[in-house]
C-alpha atoms as a PDB file:
ATOM      1  CA  MET A   1       3.825 -34.713  12.395  1.00  0.00           C
ATOM      2  CA  ARG A   2       5.249 -31.666  14.168  1.00  0.00           C
ATOM      3  CA  ALA A   3       2.870 -28.837  15.038  1.00  0.00           C
ATOM      4  CA  ILE A   4       2.794 -25.744  17.214  1.00  0.00           C
ATOM      5  CA  VAL A   5      -0.051 -25.999  19.718  1.00  0.00           C
ATOM      6  CA  ILE A   6      -1.699 -23.410  21.980  1.00  0.00           C
ATOM      7  CA  PRO A   7      -2.579 -25.429  25.121  1.00  0.00           C
ATOM      8  CA  GLN A   8      -3.665 -22.364  27.107  1.00  0.00           C
ATOM      9  CA  PHE A   9      -4.068 -18.670  26.459  1.00  0.00           C
ATOM     10  CA  GLY A  10      -1.172 -16.419  27.387  1.00  0.00           C
ATOM     11  CA  ASP A  11       2.158 -14.989  26.279  1.00  0.00           C
ATOM     12  CA  PRO A  12       4.316 -16.482  23.506  1.00  0.00           C
ATOM     13  CA  ASP A  13       5.878 -19.002  25.891  1.00  0.00           C
ATOM     14  CA  VAL A  14       2.629 -21.007  25.962  1.00  0.00           C
ATOM     15  CA  LEU A  15       3.280 -22.175  22.382  1.00  0.00           C
ATOM     16  CA  GLU A  16       4.381 -25.825  22.369  1.00  0.00           C
ATOM     17  CA  LEU A  17       5.980 -27.958  19.671  1.00  0.00           C
ATOM     18  CA  ARG A  18       4.180 -31.303  19.715  1.00  0.00           C
ATOM     19  CA  GLU A  19       3.847 -34.499  17.731  1.00  0.00           C
ATOM     20  CA  VAL A  20       0.237 -34.843  16.589  1.00  0.00           C
ATOM     21  CA  PRO A  21      -1.548 -37.092  14.055  1.00  0.00           C
ATOM     22  CA  ILE A  22      -1.528 -36.082  10.401  1.00  0.00           C
ATOM     23  CA  PRO A  23      -5.034 -34.768   9.597  1.00  0.00           C
ATOM     24  CA  GLN A  24      -7.008 -36.587   6.906  1.00  0.00           C
ATOM     25  CA  PRO A  25      -9.064 -34.548   4.420  1.00  0.00           C
ATOM     26  CA  GLY A  26     -12.827 -34.924   4.485  1.00  0.00           C
ATOM     27  CA  ALA A  27     -15.238 -34.291   1.666  1.00  0.00           C
ATOM     28  CA  GLY A  28     -14.371 -31.080  -0.158  1.00  0.00           C
ATOM     29  CA  GLU A  29     -11.008 -30.760   1.586  1.00  0.00           C
ATOM     30  CA  VAL A  30      -7.346 -31.220   0.751  1.00  0.00           C
ATOM     31  CA  SER A  31      -4.322 -31.924   2.911  1.00  0.00           C
ATOM     32  CA  ILE A  32      -1.315 -29.696   2.214  1.00  0.00           C
ATOM     33  CA  ARG A  33       2.319 -30.511   2.980  1.00  0.00           C
ATOM     34  CA  VAL A  34       3.229 -27.097   4.343  1.00  0.00           C
ATOM     35  CA  ALA A  35       6.372 -25.315   3.179  1.00  0.00           C
ATOM     36  CA  TYR A  36       5.631 -21.894   4.696  1.00  0.00           C
ATOM     37  CA  VAL A  37       2.929 -20.474   6.954  1.00  0.00           C
ATOM     38  CA  GLY A  38       2.142 -16.793   7.379  1.00  0.00           C
ATOM     39  CA  ILE A  39       1.993 -15.139  10.805  1.00  0.00           C
ATOM     40  CA  ASN A  40      -1.078 -12.948  11.275  1.00  0.00           C
ATOM     41  CA  PHE A  41      -2.328 -10.766  14.091  1.00  0.00           C
ATOM     42  CA  ALA A  42      -5.347 -13.063  14.364  1.00  0.00           C
ATOM     43  CA  ASP A  43      -2.926 -15.789  15.530  1.00  0.00           C
ATOM     44  CA  ILE A  44      -1.675 -13.440  18.235  1.00  0.00           C
ATOM     45  CA  MET A  45      -5.183 -12.648  19.453  1.00  0.00           C
ATOM     46  CA  ILE A  46      -6.082 -16.338  19.546  1.00  0.00           C
ATOM     47  CA  ARG A  47      -2.988 -17.076  21.628  1.00  0.00           C
ATOM     48  CA  GLN A  48      -3.614 -14.165  23.972  1.00  0.00           C
ATOM     49  CA  ARG A  49      -7.335 -14.417  24.584  1.00  0.00           C
ATOM     50  CA  GLY A  50      -9.129 -16.874  22.321  1.00  0.00           C
ATOM     51  CA  TYR A  51     -10.185 -14.846  19.299  1.00  0.00           C
ATOM     52  CA  MET A  52     -13.235 -15.984  17.285  1.00  0.00           C
ATOM     53  CA  GLY A  53     -14.166 -18.715  19.760  1.00  0.00           C
ATOM     54  CA  ALA A  54     -10.988 -20.801  19.381  1.00  0.00           C
ATOM     55  CA  GLN A  55     -11.169 -24.034  21.392  1.00  0.00           C
ATOM     56  CA  LEU A  56      -8.091 -25.343  23.203  1.00  0.00           C
ATOM     57  CA  PRO A  57      -5.813 -27.047  22.416  1.00  0.00           C
ATOM     58  CA  PHE A  58      -5.526 -25.095  19.196  1.00  0.00           C
ATOM     59  CA  ILE A  59      -3.093 -25.179  16.265  1.00  0.00           C
ATOM     60  CA  PRO A  60      -2.916 -21.660  14.782  1.00  0.00           C
ATOM     61  CA  GLY A  61      -2.058 -20.837  11.208  1.00  0.00           C
ATOM     62  CA  TYR A  62      -4.278 -18.778   8.935  1.00  0.00           C
ATOM     63  CA  GLU A  63      -2.526 -19.147   5.581  1.00  0.00           C
ATOM     64  CA  VAL A  64      -0.076 -21.606   4.085  1.00  0.00           C
ATOM     65  CA  ALA A  65       1.740 -22.535   0.899  1.00  0.00           C
ATOM     66  CA  GLY A  66       3.024 -25.951   0.007  1.00  0.00           C
ATOM     67  CA  TYR A  67       2.086 -29.038  -1.977  1.00  0.00           C
ATOM     68  CA  ILE A  68      -1.145 -31.028  -2.032  1.00  0.00           C
ATOM     69  CA  HIS A  69      -0.596 -34.230  -0.069  1.00  0.00           C
ATOM     70  CA  ALA A  70      -4.042 -35.846  -0.180  1.00  0.00           C
ATOM     71  CA  ILE A  71      -7.424 -35.062  -1.690  1.00  0.00           C
ATOM     72  CA  GLY A  72     -10.827 -35.613  -0.102  1.00  0.00           C
ATOM     73  CA  GLU A  73     -13.981 -36.901  -1.721  1.00  0.00           C
ATOM     74  CA  GLY A  74     -15.605 -34.682  -4.331  1.00  0.00           C
ATOM     75  CA  VAL A  75     -12.587 -32.424  -4.943  1.00  0.00           C
ATOM     76  CA  GLU A  76     -11.958 -31.588  -8.579  1.00  0.00           C
ATOM     77  CA  GLY A  77      -9.381 -29.442 -10.357  1.00  0.00           C
ATOM     78  CA  LEU A  78      -6.570 -30.116  -7.865  1.00  0.00           C
ATOM     79  CA  ARG A  79      -3.938 -32.856  -7.945  1.00  0.00           C
ATOM     80  CA  ILE A  80      -1.502 -34.469  -5.541  1.00  0.00           C
ATOM     81  CA  GLY A  81       1.892 -32.743  -5.624  1.00  0.00           C
ATOM     82  CA  GLN A  82       0.472 -29.502  -6.991  1.00  0.00           C
ATOM     83  CA  PRO A  83       1.930 -26.294  -5.498  1.00  0.00           C
ATOM     84  CA  VAL A  84      -0.812 -24.264  -3.833  1.00  0.00           C
ATOM     85  CA  ALA A  85      -1.561 -21.486  -1.386  1.00  0.00           C
ATOM     86  CA  ALA A  86      -4.558 -21.711   0.931  1.00  0.00           C
ATOM     87  CA  VAL A  87      -6.576 -19.909   3.562  1.00  0.00           C
ATOM     88  CA  THR A  88      -6.689 -22.433   6.393  1.00  0.00           C
ATOM     89  CA  VAL A  89      -7.896 -20.181   9.280  1.00  0.00           C
ATOM     90  CA  LYS A  90      -6.435 -22.752  11.698  1.00  0.00           C
ATOM     91  CA  GLY A  91      -3.973 -25.613  11.635  1.00  0.00           C
ATOM     92  CA  GLY A  92      -1.260 -24.009   9.517  1.00  0.00           C
ATOM     93  CA  TYR A  93       1.585 -24.144  12.087  1.00  0.00           C
ATOM     94  CA  ALA A  94       2.181 -27.792  11.217  1.00  0.00           C
ATOM     95  CA  GLU A  95       3.857 -30.065   8.701  1.00  0.00           C
ATOM     96  CA  PHE A  96       0.453 -30.912   7.196  1.00  0.00           C
ATOM     97  CA  ALA A  97      -2.667 -28.745   7.205  1.00  0.00           C
ATOM     98  CA  LEU A  98      -6.236 -29.129   6.008  1.00  0.00           C
ATOM     99  CA  ALA A  99      -7.932 -26.588   3.771  1.00  0.00           C
ATOM    100  CA  SER A 100     -11.206 -26.329   1.951  1.00  0.00           C
ATOM    101  CA  ALA A 101     -10.674 -27.055  -1.724  1.00  0.00           C
ATOM    102  CA  LEU A 102     -12.590 -23.858  -2.450  1.00  0.00           C
ATOM    103  CA  LEU A 103      -9.998 -21.872  -0.473  1.00  0.00           C
ATOM    104  CA  THR A 104      -6.994 -23.620  -2.022  1.00  0.00           C
ATOM    105  CA  PHE A 105      -5.417 -21.769  -4.914  1.00  0.00           C
ATOM    106  CA  PRO A 106      -3.105 -23.391  -7.501  1.00  0.00           C
ATOM    107  CA  LEU A 107       0.173 -21.591  -8.058  1.00  0.00           C
ATOM    108  CA  ASP A 108       0.355 -22.070 -11.777  1.00  0.00           C
ATOM    109  CA  GLN A 109       1.511 -18.454 -12.173  1.00  0.00           C
ATOM    110  CA  GLN A 110       5.020 -19.254 -10.914  1.00  0.00           C
ATOM    111  CA  ILE A 111       4.680 -17.417  -7.604  1.00  0.00           C
ATOM    112  CA  GLU A 112       7.326 -18.537  -5.115  1.00  0.00           C
ATOM    113  CA  LEU A 113       5.991 -20.540  -2.183  1.00  0.00           C
ATOM    114  CA  ALA A 114       7.217 -18.075   0.453  1.00  0.00           C
ATOM    115  CA  THR A 115       5.558 -15.174  -1.349  1.00  0.00           C
ATOM    116  CA  ALA A 116       2.392 -17.179  -1.832  1.00  0.00           C
ATOM    117  CA  ALA A 117       2.202 -18.068   1.862  1.00  0.00           C
ATOM    118  CA  ALA A 118       2.462 -14.405   2.815  1.00  0.00           C
ATOM    119  CA  PHE A 119      -0.384 -13.232   0.611  1.00  0.00           C
ATOM    120  CA  PRO A 120      -3.777 -14.942   1.186  1.00  0.00           C
ATOM    121  CA  ALA A 121      -4.847 -13.363   4.488  1.00  0.00           C
ATOM    122  CA  VAL A 122      -3.431  -9.873   3.980  1.00  0.00           C
ATOM    123  CA  GLY A 123      -3.789  -9.694   0.199  1.00  0.00           C
ATOM    124  CA  LEU A 124      -7.377 -10.857   0.020  1.00  0.00           C
ATOM    125  CA  THR A 125      -8.295  -8.733   3.029  1.00  0.00           C
ATOM    126  CA  ALA A 126      -6.805  -5.564   1.526  1.00  0.00           C
ATOM    127  CA  TYR A 127      -8.509  -6.246  -1.807  1.00  0.00           C
ATOM    128  CA  ASN A 128     -11.910  -6.871  -0.203  1.00  0.00           C
ATOM    129  CA  LEU A 129     -11.626  -3.825   2.045  1.00  0.00           C
ATOM    130  CA  LEU A 130     -10.997  -1.433  -0.812  1.00  0.00           C
ATOM    131  CA  VAL A 131     -12.909  -3.019  -3.692  1.00  0.00           C
ATOM    132  CA  ASP A 132     -15.898  -4.757  -2.154  1.00  0.00           C
ATOM    133  CA  VAL A 133     -16.524  -2.978   1.151  1.00  0.00           C
ATOM    134  CA  ALA A 134     -15.337   0.619   0.711  1.00  0.00           C
ATOM    135  CA  ARG A 135     -15.843   0.475  -3.096  1.00  0.00           C
ATOM    136  CA  LEU A 136     -13.032   2.925  -3.595  1.00  0.00           C
ATOM    137  CA  ARG A 137     -13.420   5.133  -6.665  1.00  0.00           C
ATOM    138  CA  PRO A 138     -10.633   6.779  -8.670  1.00  0.00           C
ATOM    139  CA  GLY A 139      -9.487  10.024  -7.103  1.00  0.00           C
ATOM    140  CA  GLU A 140     -10.801   9.267  -3.615  1.00  0.00           C
ATOM    141  CA  SER A 141      -8.544   9.615  -0.579  1.00  0.00           C
ATOM    142  CA  VAL A 142      -7.677   6.742   1.756  1.00  0.00           C
ATOM    143  CA  LEU A 143      -6.402   6.653   5.331  1.00  0.00           C
ATOM    144  CA  VAL A 144      -4.955   3.337   6.527  1.00  0.00           C
ATOM    145  CA  HIS A 145      -4.039   2.647  10.143  1.00  0.00           C
ATOM    146  CA  ALA A 146      -1.106   0.305  10.885  1.00  0.00           C
ATOM    147  CA  ALA A 147       0.379   1.245   7.518  1.00  0.00           C
ATOM    148  CA  ALA A 148       3.633  -0.667   8.117  1.00  0.00           C
ATOM    149  CA  GLY A 149       1.884  -3.976   8.781  1.00  0.00           C
ATOM    150  CA  GLY A 150       0.908  -6.794   6.447  1.00  0.00           C
ATOM    151  CA  VAL A 151      -2.483  -5.468   5.375  1.00  0.00           C
ATOM    152  CA  GLY A 152      -1.292  -1.858   5.475  1.00  0.00           C
ATOM    153  CA  THR A 153       1.571  -2.330   3.024  1.00  0.00           C
ATOM    154  CA  ILE A 154      -0.644  -4.214   0.563  1.00  0.00           C
ATOM    155  CA  ALA A 155      -3.554  -1.770   0.939  1.00  0.00           C
ATOM    156  CA  ALA A 156      -1.419   1.163  -0.223  1.00  0.00           C
ATOM    157  CA  GLN A 157      -0.470  -0.690  -3.392  1.00  0.00           C
ATOM    158  CA  ILE A 158      -4.002  -1.821  -4.195  1.00  0.00           C
ATOM    159  CA  ALA A 159      -5.330   1.673  -3.536  1.00  0.00           C
ATOM    160  CA  ARG A 160      -2.776   2.992  -6.018  1.00  0.00           C
ATOM    161  CA  HIS A 161      -3.817   0.307  -8.518  1.00  0.00           C
ATOM    162  CA  LEU A 162      -7.430   1.458  -8.128  1.00  0.00           C
ATOM    163  CA  GLY A 163      -6.532   5.075  -8.860  1.00  0.00           C
ATOM    164  CA  ALA A 164      -6.799   6.545  -5.380  1.00  0.00           C
ATOM    165  CA  GLY A 165      -5.975  10.216  -4.900  1.00  0.00           C
ATOM    166  CA  GLN A 166      -4.133  10.782  -1.619  1.00  0.00           C
ATOM    167  CA  ILE A 167      -3.052   7.668   0.286  1.00  0.00           C
ATOM    168  CA  ILE A 168      -2.273   8.405   3.930  1.00  0.00           C
ATOM    169  CA  GLY A 169      -1.000   5.965   6.543  1.00  0.00           C
ATOM    170  CA  THR A 170      -0.541   6.021  10.285  1.00  0.00           C
ATOM    171  CA  VAL A 171       2.084   4.131  12.274  1.00  0.00           C
ATOM    172  CA  GLY A 172       2.748   3.679  15.958  1.00  0.00           C
ATOM    173  CA  SER A 173       6.408   4.728  16.026  1.00  0.00           C
ATOM    174  CA  GLN A 174       8.790   7.073  14.235  1.00  0.00           C
ATOM    175  CA  ASP A 175      11.018   4.253  12.988  1.00  0.00           C
ATOM    176  CA  LYS A 176       8.188   2.803  10.872  1.00  0.00           C
ATOM    177  CA  ILE A 177       7.506   5.947   8.838  1.00  0.00           C
ATOM    178  CA  ALA A 178      10.175   5.397   6.179  1.00  0.00           C
ATOM    179  CA  TYR A 179       9.189   1.749   5.790  1.00  0.00           C
ATOM    180  CA  ALA A 180       5.514   2.614   5.262  1.00  0.00           C
ATOM    181  CA  LEU A 181       6.415   5.310   2.740  1.00  0.00           C
ATOM    182  CA  SER A 182       8.336   2.693   0.757  1.00  0.00           C
ATOM    183  CA  ALA A 183       5.070   0.744   0.362  1.00  0.00           C
ATOM    184  CA  GLY A 184       3.577   3.586  -1.655  1.00  0.00           C
ATOM    185  CA  TYR A 185       1.947   6.004   0.780  1.00  0.00           C
ATOM    186  CA  ASP A 186       1.895   9.678  -0.084  1.00  0.00           C
ATOM    187  CA  HIS A 187       2.026  10.657   3.582  1.00  0.00           C
ATOM    188  CA  VAL A 188       2.714   8.675   6.765  1.00  0.00           C
ATOM    189  CA  VAL A 189       2.088  10.187  10.195  1.00  0.00           C
ATOM    190  CA  LEU A 190       2.295   9.014  13.771  1.00  0.00           C
ATOM    191  CA  ARG A 191      -0.999   7.692  15.092  1.00  0.00           C
ATOM    192  CA  GLU A 192      -0.631   9.952  18.101  1.00  0.00           C
ATOM    193  CA  ASN A 193      -2.322  13.218  17.057  1.00  0.00           C
ATOM    194  CA  PHE A 194      -2.906  11.849  13.536  1.00  0.00           C
ATOM    195  CA  ALA A 195      -6.265  13.626  13.208  1.00  0.00           C
ATOM    196  CA  GLN A 196      -4.676  17.061  13.169  1.00  0.00           C
ATOM    197  CA  ALA A 197      -2.042  15.939  10.681  1.00  0.00           C
ATOM    198  CA  VAL A 198      -4.670  14.465   8.326  1.00  0.00           C
ATOM    199  CA  GLN A 199      -6.718  17.660   8.474  1.00  0.00           C
ATOM    200  CA  GLU A 200      -3.631  19.629   7.465  1.00  0.00           C
ATOM    201  CA  ILE A 201      -2.746  17.222   4.650  1.00  0.00           C
ATOM    202  CA  THR A 202      -6.289  17.316   3.242  1.00  0.00           C
ATOM    203  CA  HIS A 203      -6.727  21.071   3.873  1.00  0.00           C
ATOM    204  CA  GLY A 204      -9.684  20.337   6.127  1.00  0.00           C
ATOM    205  CA  LYS A 205     -11.589  18.202   3.593  1.00  0.00           C
ATOM    206  CA  GLY A 206     -11.087  14.932   5.453  1.00  0.00           C
ATOM    207  CA  VAL A 207     -10.825  11.541   3.756  1.00  0.00           C
ATOM    208  CA  ASP A 208     -13.210   9.363   1.786  1.00  0.00           C
ATOM    209  CA  VAL A 209     -12.169   5.968   3.176  1.00  0.00           C
ATOM    210  CA  VAL A 210     -10.561   4.872   6.444  1.00  0.00           C
ATOM    211  CA  LEU A 211      -9.332   1.306   6.998  1.00  0.00           C
ATOM    212  CA  ASP A 212      -9.165   0.671  10.734  1.00  0.00           C
ATOM    213  CA  SER A 213      -7.830  -2.403  12.490  1.00  0.00           C
ATOM    214  CA  VAL A 214      -6.489  -0.683  15.617  1.00  0.00           C
ATOM    215  CA  GLY A 215      -9.656   0.380  17.451  1.00  0.00           C
ATOM    216  CA  GLU A 216     -10.048   3.128  19.995  1.00  0.00           C
ATOM    217  CA  PRO A 217      -9.220   5.951  20.351  1.00  0.00           C
ATOM    218  CA  ALA A 218      -8.225   6.098  16.673  1.00  0.00           C
ATOM    219  CA  ARG A 219     -11.633   4.808  15.595  1.00  0.00           C
ATOM    220  CA  THR A 220     -13.613   7.734  16.984  1.00  0.00           C
ATOM    221  CA  GLN A 221     -11.079  10.206  15.608  1.00  0.00           C
ATOM    222  CA  SER A 222     -11.226   8.508  12.200  1.00  0.00           C
ATOM    223  CA  LEU A 223     -14.992   8.815  12.104  1.00  0.00           C
ATOM    224  CA  SER A 224     -14.682  12.541  12.665  1.00  0.00           C
ATOM    225  CA  LEU A 225     -12.322  12.809   9.670  1.00  0.00           C
ATOM    226  CA  LEU A 226     -14.718  11.350   7.108  1.00  0.00           C
ATOM    227  CA  ALA A 227     -15.739  13.604   4.249  1.00  0.00           C
ATOM    228  CA  PRO A 228     -19.395  13.524   3.107  1.00  0.00           C
ATOM    229  CA  PHE A 229     -20.194  10.000   1.810  1.00  0.00           C
ATOM    230  CA  GLY A 230     -17.069   8.795   3.608  1.00  0.00           C
ATOM    231  CA  ARG A 231     -16.724   5.183   4.776  1.00  0.00           C
ATOM    232  CA  LEU A 232     -15.018   3.917   7.929  1.00  0.00           C
ATOM    233  CA  VAL A 233     -14.209   0.235   7.410  1.00  0.00           C
ATOM    234  CA  VAL A 234     -13.563  -1.711  10.619  1.00  0.00           C
ATOM    235  CA  PHE A 235     -11.662  -4.994  10.360  1.00  0.00           C
ATOM    236  CA  GLY A 236      -9.988  -5.460  13.729  1.00  0.00           C
ATOM    237  CA  ASN A 237      -9.372  -4.168  17.235  1.00  0.00           C
ATOM    238  CA  ALA A 238      -5.646  -4.606  17.841  1.00  0.00           C
ATOM    239  CA  GLY A 239      -5.698  -2.269  20.820  1.00  0.00           C
ATOM    240  CA  ASN A 240      -8.337  -4.409  22.562  1.00  0.00           C
ATOM    241  CA  GLN A 241     -10.073  -1.288  23.852  1.00  0.00           C
ATOM    242  CA  PRO A 242     -13.837  -1.029  24.421  1.00  0.00           C
ATOM    243  CA  ASP A 243     -15.580  -0.205  21.171  1.00  0.00           C
ATOM    244  CA  ILE A 244     -17.502   2.957  20.426  1.00  0.00           C
ATOM    245  CA  SER A 245     -21.255   3.266  20.586  1.00  0.00           C
ATOM    246  CA  VAL A 246     -22.577   5.039  17.500  1.00  0.00           C
ATOM    247  CA  ALA A 247     -25.992   6.645  17.179  1.00  0.00           C
ATOM    248  CA  PRO A 248     -27.357   6.062  13.666  1.00  0.00           C
ATOM    249  CA  MET A 249     -28.580   9.660  13.503  1.00  0.00           C
ATOM    250  CA  SER A 250     -24.983  10.874  13.835  1.00  0.00           C
ATOM    251  CA  LEU A 251     -24.155   9.003  10.633  1.00  0.00           C
ATOM    252  CA  LEU A 252     -27.220  10.411   8.917  1.00  0.00           C
ATOM    253  CA  VAL A 253     -26.328  13.992   9.730  1.00  0.00           C
ATOM    254  CA  GLY A 254     -22.760  13.605   8.442  1.00  0.00           C
ATOM    255  CA  SER A 255     -23.691  11.432   5.420  1.00  0.00           C
ATOM    256  CA  ARG A 256     -21.135   8.868   6.595  1.00  0.00           C
ATOM    257  CA  ALA A 257     -21.036   5.095   6.960  1.00  0.00           C
ATOM    258  CA  ILE A 258     -19.367   2.530   9.213  1.00  0.00           C
ATOM    259  CA  MET A 259     -18.796  -0.841   7.568  1.00  0.00           C
ATOM    260  CA  GLY A 260     -17.310  -4.094   8.828  1.00  0.00           C
ATOM    261  CA  TYR A 261     -15.226  -6.900   7.386  1.00  0.00           C
ATOM    262  CA  SER A 262     -13.925 -10.264   8.587  1.00  0.00           C
ATOM    263  CA  ILE A 263     -12.172 -12.703   6.297  1.00  0.00           C
ATOM    264  CA  THR A 264     -12.683 -15.353   8.978  1.00  0.00           C
ATOM    265  CA  GLY A 265     -16.413 -14.761   8.868  1.00  0.00           C
ATOM    266  CA  LEU A 266     -16.436 -14.885   5.074  1.00  0.00           C
ATOM    267  CA  THR A 267     -14.603 -18.214   4.957  1.00  0.00           C
ATOM    268  CA  GLN A 268     -17.459 -19.637   7.025  1.00  0.00           C
ATOM    269  CA  SER A 269     -20.500 -17.849   5.596  1.00  0.00           C
ATOM    270  CA  ALA A 270     -19.512 -17.191   1.987  1.00  0.00           C
ATOM    271  CA  PRO A 271     -16.289 -18.995   1.020  1.00  0.00           C
ATOM    272  CA  HIS A 272     -17.150 -18.585  -2.653  1.00  0.00           C
ATOM    273  CA  LEU A 273     -16.639 -14.824  -2.223  1.00  0.00           C
ATOM    274  CA  VAL A 274     -13.151 -15.416  -0.810  1.00  0.00           C
ATOM    275  CA  ALA A 275     -12.360 -17.698  -3.756  1.00  0.00           C
ATOM    276  CA  GLU A 276     -13.632 -15.069  -6.176  1.00  0.00           C
ATOM    277  CA  THR A 277     -11.423 -12.453  -4.546  1.00  0.00           C
ATOM    278  CA  ALA A 278      -8.406 -14.745  -4.875  1.00  0.00           C
ATOM    279  CA  ARG A 279      -8.991 -15.067  -8.607  1.00  0.00           C
ATOM    280  CA  LYS A 280      -8.790 -11.275  -8.885  1.00  0.00           C
ATOM    281  CA  ALA A 281      -6.053 -10.545  -6.345  1.00  0.00           C
ATOM    282  CA  PHE A 282      -3.443 -13.232  -7.061  1.00  0.00           C
ATOM    283  CA  PRO A 283      -2.818 -11.959 -10.628  1.00  0.00           C
ATOM    284  CA  LEU A 284      -1.796  -8.594  -9.133  1.00  0.00           C
ATOM    285  CA  LEU A 285       0.883 -10.442  -7.163  1.00  0.00           C
ATOM    286  CA  ALA A 286       1.932 -12.578 -10.132  1.00  0.00           C
ATOM    287  CA  ASN A 287       2.373  -9.636 -12.523  1.00  0.00           C
ATOM    288  CA  GLY A 288       4.217  -7.472 -10.027  1.00  0.00           C
ATOM    289  CA  GLU A 289       1.550  -4.787  -9.561  1.00  0.00           C
ATOM    290  CA  VAL A 290       1.528  -5.723  -5.888  1.00  0.00           C
ATOM    291  CA  ARG A 291       4.596  -6.851  -3.998  1.00  0.00           C
ATOM    292  CA  ILE A 292       4.738  -8.304  -0.531  1.00  0.00           C
ATOM    293  CA  ASP A 293       7.687  -7.608   1.729  1.00  0.00           C
ATOM    294  CA  ILE A 294       8.679 -10.661   3.749  1.00  0.00           C
ATOM    295  CA  THR A 295      10.879  -9.244   6.486  1.00  0.00           C
ATOM    296  CA  THR A 296      11.395 -12.320   8.684  1.00  0.00           C
ATOM    297  CA  ILE A 297      11.384 -16.083   8.074  1.00  0.00           C
ATOM    298  CA  LEU A 298      11.913 -18.345  11.089  1.00  0.00           C
ATOM    299  CA  PRO A 299      11.792 -22.136  11.459  1.00  0.00           C
ATOM    300  CA  LEU A 300       8.622 -23.655  12.904  1.00  0.00           C
ATOM    301  CA  GLU A 301      10.398 -24.270  16.207  1.00  0.00           C
ATOM    302  CA  GLN A 302      10.803 -20.509  16.686  1.00  0.00           C
ATOM    303  CA  ALA A 303       7.097 -19.674  16.490  1.00  0.00           C
ATOM    304  CA  ALA A 304       7.261 -18.112  19.952  1.00  0.00           C
ATOM    305  CA  GLU A 305       9.972 -15.716  18.776  1.00  0.00           C
ATOM    306  CA  ALA A 306       7.819 -14.700  15.814  1.00  0.00           C
ATOM    307  CA  HIS A 307       4.935 -14.010  18.183  1.00  0.00           C
ATOM    308  CA  ARG A 308       7.186 -11.917  20.414  1.00  0.00           C
ATOM    309  CA  LEU A 309       8.084  -9.737  17.453  1.00  0.00           C
ATOM    310  CA  MET A 310       4.378  -9.219  16.775  1.00  0.00           C
ATOM    311  CA  ASP A 311       3.600  -8.599  20.457  1.00  0.00           C
ATOM    312  CA  THR A 312       6.161  -5.809  20.742  1.00  0.00           C
ATOM    313  CA  ARG A 313       4.819  -4.166  17.560  1.00  0.00           C
ATOM    314  CA  ALA A 314       8.419  -4.132  16.347  1.00  0.00           C
ATOM    315  CA  ALA A 315       7.613  -6.089  13.206  1.00  0.00           C
ATOM    316  CA  THR A 316       7.033  -4.544   9.802  1.00  0.00           C
ATOM    317  CA  GLY A 317       5.900  -6.245   6.627  1.00  0.00           C
ATOM    318  CA  LYS A 318       5.212  -9.966   6.766  1.00  0.00           C
ATOM    319  CA  LEU A 319       6.553 -12.732   9.022  1.00  0.00           C
ATOM    320  CA  LEU A 320       6.664 -16.402   8.005  1.00  0.00           C
ATOM    321  CA  LEU A 321       7.477 -19.756   9.574  1.00  0.00           C
ATOM    322  CA  ARG A 322       9.391 -22.245   7.451  1.00  0.00           C
ATOM    323  CA  LEU A 323       8.942 -26.000   7.585  1.00  0.00           C
END
């Protein structure tokens, strides 16, 4: 089968199209004939510097949609030929990919394959961040960094679904403001000097929840913006800057919290929680309460071009590869 392989860490040009053996599902696994695979920033970090201990050579690909090709021992409730979406974590940039049966979700709700492939990583992440980690309550305010990205555009919609008060986003460039606003934000500001803008928007009250995937210096500034009982939820470090050192007493004095989230970690330590989230989040996509904006679909052979778009931070919404 054809697959995109990372043979060494580096820029997008390191990605290679290779012929590799079709993987066979083990116990509790399925093999999926991939139709579409979502591009995620985790793929970029793996290619650049080996995120989450990736071992070379490595086939990236966090989320896919397609049809079940083969079923491993002990798998129940899934059938060959069934349309599904899945969290794969790795191996998705290929004609066939393996997934845990627990993290494979039937598409009986008539969701198109392209839409389904774009949702698992960003949709489940946004849902977990707001519902299970931050535990957003109706009327609370939310600040989301990288508001024009995959998680950012979904987070605004889920926050609205949960009854959030003000929903504020930050973006890295002026040309992304209108796009982020179209996702449902009340206010979108440039990340440069965002703290002052947020203080003005909230009349000095700060925000109840911050979702941060960009890292420093926005992380320290976000912490300073938290209202009493506010929660800073960390789920990435796109800027690759050294992280902050926080004294617990500083959180005590401000009645604030810093919380963490990794969907990759959950797929390994508690996959049943990811599956439970999918059962709650996919219906929001199926009934139209949440929409996902697929801005670019490229053939598998152009994976490097997709990565270049992500590297330049020019991309908005969701990027897919088509097989």
